[in-house]
């Protein structure tokens, strides 16, 4: 699972590195609205990663009983 995550990170980093302007629209399919900017997509991914990391932390706390400070 970690290898797959690291691979996804590497591919994402390559896409961002090849984007000369973060205000450019990102790719979007099957939507009638204009695509969001690459900047919006990056911020959204940070939010989603944080949210899911929090979910994983809650599950870990339920399993081992250990809580953070």
Protein backbone atom coordinates (compact mmCIF):
# COMPACT_ATOMS: atom_id res chain seq x y z
CA UNK A 1 0.00 0.00 0.00
CA UNK A 2 2.83 2.39 0.80
CA UNK A 3 4.51 1.66 -2.53
CA UNK A 4 1.28 2.45 -4.39
CA UNK A 5 0.89 5.71 -2.43
CA UNK A 6 4.49 6.71 -3.15
CA UNK A 7 3.96 5.95 -6.84
CA UNK A 8 0.84 8.15 -6.89
CA UNK A 9 2.78 10.94 -5.18
CA UNK A 10 5.60 10.68 -7.72
CA UNK A 11 3.15 10.81 -10.64
CA UNK A 12 1.33 13.77 -9.09
CA UNK A 13 4.60 15.61 -8.48
CA UNK A 14 5.54 15.10 -12.13
CA UNK A 15 2.21 16.59 -13.28
CA UNK A 16 2.68 19.63 -11.03
CA UNK A 17 6.32 20.06 -12.09
CA UNK A 18 5.20 20.15 -15.73
CA UNK A 19 2.56 22.80 -15.06
CA UNK A 20 4.14 26.20 -15.77
CA UNK A 21 1.11 28.16 -14.50
CA UNK A 22 -1.05 27.06 -11.57
CA UNK A 23 -3.88 29.28 -12.77
CA UNK A 24 -4.32 27.01 -15.82
CA UNK A 25 -7.39 24.80 -15.72
CA UNK A 26 -6.92 21.20 -14.75
CA UNK A 27 -8.43 18.32 -16.70
CA UNK A 28 -12.03 17.45 -16.02
CA UNK A 29 -14.26 14.96 -17.73
CA UNK A 30 -18.02 14.48 -17.80
CA UNK A 31 -18.77 17.85 -16.22
CA UNK A 32 -20.52 20.76 -17.83
CA UNK A 33 -18.87 23.37 -15.61
CA UNK A 34 -15.44 24.82 -16.37
CA UNK A 35 -12.55 22.88 -14.82
CA UNK A 36 -10.94 24.32 -11.68
CA UNK A 37 -7.42 25.72 -11.72
CA UNK A 38 -4.45 23.53 -10.88
CA UNK A 39 -3.98 25.68 -7.74
CA UNK A 40 -7.54 24.81 -6.63
CA UNK A 41 -6.91 21.13 -7.33
CA UNK A 42 -3.72 21.14 -5.23
CA UNK A 43 -5.43 22.85 -2.28
CA UNK A 44 -8.34 20.41 -2.56
CA UNK A 45 -5.95 17.45 -2.48
CA UNK A 46 -4.27 18.84 0.65
CA UNK A 47 -7.71 19.11 2.29
CA UNK A 48 -8.69 15.58 1.25
CA UNK A 49 -5.39 14.10 2.43
CA UNK A 50 -5.77 15.81 5.81
CA UNK A 51 -9.36 14.63 6.15
CA UNK A 52 -8.53 11.00 5.37
CA UNK A 53 -5.44 11.07 7.57
CA UNK A 54 -7.70 12.18 10.40
CA UNK A 55 -10.06 9.30 9.70
CA UNK A 56 -7.17 6.84 9.81
CA UNK A 57 -5.99 8.36 13.09
CA UNK A 58 -9.43 7.88 14.64
CA UNK A 59 -9.43 4.22 13.60
CA UNK A 60 -5.93 3.74 15.01
CA UNK A 61 -6.99 5.30 18.33
CA UNK A 62 -9.95 2.92 18.50
CA UNK A 63 -7.66 -0.04 17.89
CA UNK A 64 -4.79 0.74 20.24
CA UNK A 65 -6.39 3.20 22.67
CA UNK A 66 -3.52 5.65 22.32
CA UNK A 67 -4.43 9.30 21.78
CA UNK A 68 -2.32 12.27 20.79
CA UNK A 69 -1.61 15.28 22.93
